[in-house]
Amino acid sequence: MNPSNSNSSPSVAARIVLGDTRLTFDQLDPTLHWPLTVEISGDALARVRASRSAVEQHLATDKAIYGVNTGFGKLCNVRIRRTSLPSFK
């Protein structure tokens, strides 16, 4: 596979698994030129789900959570209405 020549085809499809290890630039380089399969490990998916659950539990308390139900930067003191939250995803 020659990533610098976009006219040649890869001998092996690029595959990246998001999970417990850091993603390096060397791993990303082939993805800039070839089709890519991106997967998320089961452990990483479990952590994402746990994080989402924690955010949802905090939102249920109606407390301000910076960047989740408030604006960013200078707008950090501006609350976003609960009914408007889905449009800010």
C-alpha atoms as a PDB file:
ATOM      1  CA  MET A   1       0.000   0.000   0.000  1.00  0.00           C
ATOM      2  CA  ASN A   2       1.346   3.403  -0.954  1.00  0.00           C
ATOM      3  CA  PRO A   3      -0.555   6.158   0.912  1.00  0.00           C
ATOM      4  CA  SER A   4       1.183   8.902  -1.060  1.00  0.00           C
ATOM      5  CA  ASN A   5      -0.206   7.630  -4.388  1.00  0.00           C
ATOM      6  CA  SER A   6      -4.002   7.912  -4.421  1.00  0.00           C
ATOM      7  CA  ASN A   7      -4.205   5.917  -7.692  1.00  0.00           C
ATOM      8  CA  SER A   8      -2.933   2.655  -6.209  1.00  0.00           C
ATOM      9  CA  SER A   9      -5.177   0.422  -4.160  1.00  0.00           C
ATOM     10  CA  PRO A  10      -4.390  -0.964  -0.707  1.00  0.00           C
ATOM     11  CA  SER A  11      -3.554  -4.618  -0.267  1.00  0.00           C
ATOM     12  CA  VAL A  12      -5.309  -4.636   3.122  1.00  0.00           C
ATOM     13  CA  ALA A  13      -8.253  -2.470   4.146  1.00  0.00           C
ATOM     14  CA  ALA A  14      -7.474  -0.021   6.947  1.00  0.00           C
ATOM     15  CA  ARG A  15      -9.144  -0.847  10.270  1.00  0.00           C
ATOM     16  CA  ILE A  16      -9.099   1.095  13.525  1.00  0.00           C
ATOM     17  CA  VAL A  17     -10.612  -0.061  16.809  1.00  0.00           C
ATOM     18  CA  LEU A  18     -11.365   2.709  19.277  1.00  0.00           C
ATOM     19  CA  GLY A  19     -10.928   1.486  22.797  1.00  0.00           C
ATOM     20  CA  ASP A  20      -8.322   1.154  25.497  1.00  0.00           C
ATOM     21  CA  THR A  21      -5.231   2.407  23.657  1.00  0.00           C
ATOM     22  CA  ARG A  22      -4.385   5.803  22.265  1.00  0.00           C
ATOM     23  CA  LEU A  23      -4.765   6.363  18.559  1.00  0.00           C
ATOM     24  CA  THR A  24      -1.469   7.407  16.951  1.00  0.00           C
ATOM     25  CA  PHE A  25      -0.776   9.468  13.837  1.00  0.00           C
ATOM     26  CA  ASP A  26       0.836   6.378  12.305  1.00  0.00           C
ATOM     27  CA  GLN A  27      -2.480   4.565  12.667  1.00  0.00           C
ATOM     28  CA  LEU A  28      -4.390   7.473  11.134  1.00  0.00           C
ATOM     29  CA  ASP A  29      -2.085   8.052   8.146  1.00  0.00           C
ATOM     30  CA  PRO A  30      -3.447   5.194   6.014  1.00  0.00           C
ATOM     31  CA  THR A  31      -7.001   6.341   6.710  1.00  0.00           C
ATOM     32  CA  LEU A  32      -6.373   9.578   4.856  1.00  0.00           C
ATOM     33  CA  HIS A  33      -6.111   7.737   1.554  1.00  0.00           C
ATOM     34  CA  TRP A  34      -8.028   4.465   1.789  1.00  0.00           C
ATOM     35  CA  PRO A  35     -11.451   3.206   2.825  1.00  0.00           C
ATOM     36  CA  LEU A  36     -11.545   2.670   6.551  1.00  0.00           C
ATOM     37  CA  THR A  37     -13.449   0.496   8.981  1.00  0.00           C
ATOM     38  CA  VAL A  38     -13.847   2.105  12.418  1.00  0.00           C
ATOM     39  CA  GLU A  39     -15.013  -0.007  15.334  1.00  0.00           C
ATOM     40  CA  ILE A  40     -15.464   0.652  19.024  1.00  0.00           C
ATOM     41  CA  SER A  41     -14.422  -1.989  21.526  1.00  0.00           C
ATOM     42  CA  GLY A  42     -16.976  -3.462  23.907  1.00  0.00           C
ATOM     43  CA  ASP A  43     -15.161  -1.953  26.904  1.00  0.00           C
ATOM     44  CA  ALA A  44     -15.116   1.501  25.296  1.00  0.00           C
ATOM     45  CA  LEU A  45     -18.806   1.261  24.432  1.00  0.00           C
ATOM     46  CA  ALA A  46     -19.584   0.332  28.044  1.00  0.00           C
ATOM     47  CA  ARG A  47     -17.681   3.424  29.238  1.00  0.00           C
ATOM     48  CA  VAL A  48     -19.590   5.653  26.785  1.00  0.00           C
ATOM     49  CA  ARG A  49     -22.892   4.256  28.025  1.00  0.00           C
ATOM     50  CA  ALA A  50     -21.870   4.768  31.669  1.00  0.00           C
ATOM     51  CA  SER A  51     -20.872   8.369  30.899  1.00  0.00           C
ATOM     52  CA  ARG A  52     -24.163   9.035  29.165  1.00  0.00           C
ATOM     53  CA  SER A  53     -26.030   7.615  32.141  1.00  0.00           C
ATOM     54  CA  ALA A  54     -24.086   9.871  34.521  1.00  0.00           C
ATOM     55  CA  VAL A  55     -24.877  12.966  32.416  1.00  0.00           C
ATOM     56  CA  GLU A  56     -28.556  12.016  32.248  1.00  0.00           C
ATOM     57  CA  GLN A  57     -28.658  11.541  36.035  1.00  0.00           C
ATOM     58  CA  HIS A  58     -27.121  14.991  36.555  1.00  0.00           C
ATOM     59  CA  LEU A  59     -29.553  16.544  34.079  1.00  0.00           C
ATOM     60  CA  ALA A  60     -32.446  15.071  36.044  1.00  0.00           C
ATOM     61  CA  THR A  61     -31.369  17.153  39.065  1.00  0.00           C
ATOM     62  CA  ASP A  62     -31.813  20.354  37.009  1.00  0.00           C
ATOM     63  CA  LYS A  63     -28.363  21.596  38.091  1.00  0.00           C
ATOM     64  CA  ALA A  64     -26.273  23.620  35.648  1.00  0.00           C
ATOM     65  CA  ILE A  65     -23.725  21.504  33.785  1.00  0.00           C
ATOM     66  CA  TYR A  66     -21.268  23.592  31.796  1.00  0.00           C
ATOM     67  CA  GLY A  67     -21.605  22.956  28.078  1.00  0.00           C
ATOM     68  CA  VAL A  68     -24.398  20.424  28.553  1.00  0.00           C
ATOM     69  CA  ASN A  69     -27.308  22.601  29.649  1.00  0.00           C
ATOM     70  CA  THR A  70     -25.458  25.938  29.599  1.00  0.00           C
ATOM     71  CA  GLY A  71     -23.715  27.908  26.910  1.00  0.00           C
ATOM     72  CA  PHE A  72     -19.935  27.959  26.453  1.00  0.00           C
ATOM     73  CA  GLY A  73     -17.400  30.664  27.290  1.00  0.00           C
ATOM     74  CA  LYS A  74     -19.090  34.030  27.832  1.00  0.00           C
ATOM     75  CA  LEU A  75     -22.458  32.288  27.641  1.00  0.00           C
ATOM     76  CA  CYS A  76     -21.666  29.903  30.502  1.00  0.00           C
ATOM     77  CA  ASN A  77     -24.312  31.555  32.685  1.00  0.00           C
ATOM     78  CA  VAL A  78     -27.024  31.131  30.059  1.00  0.00           C
ATOM     79  CA  ARG A  79     -29.162  28.064  30.724  1.00  0.00           C
ATOM     80  CA  ILE A  80     -30.545  26.072  27.816  1.00  0.00           C
ATOM     81  CA  ARG A  81     -34.162  25.052  28.317  1.00  0.00           C
ATOM     82  CA  ARG A  82     -34.685  21.313  28.772  1.00  0.00           C
ATOM     83  CA  THR A  83     -36.973  21.282  25.736  1.00  0.00           C
ATOM     84  CA  SER A  84     -34.198  22.830  23.618  1.00  0.00           C
ATOM     85  CA  LEU A  85     -31.434  20.423  24.678  1.00  0.00           C
ATOM     86  CA  PRO A  86     -32.012  17.867  21.871  1.00  0.00           C
ATOM     87  CA  SER A  87     -31.192  20.508  19.256  1.00  0.00           C
ATOM     88  CA  PHE A  88     -27.801  21.167  20.927  1.00  0.00           C
ATOM     89  CA  LYS A  89     -26.473  17.605  20.631  1.00  0.00           C
END
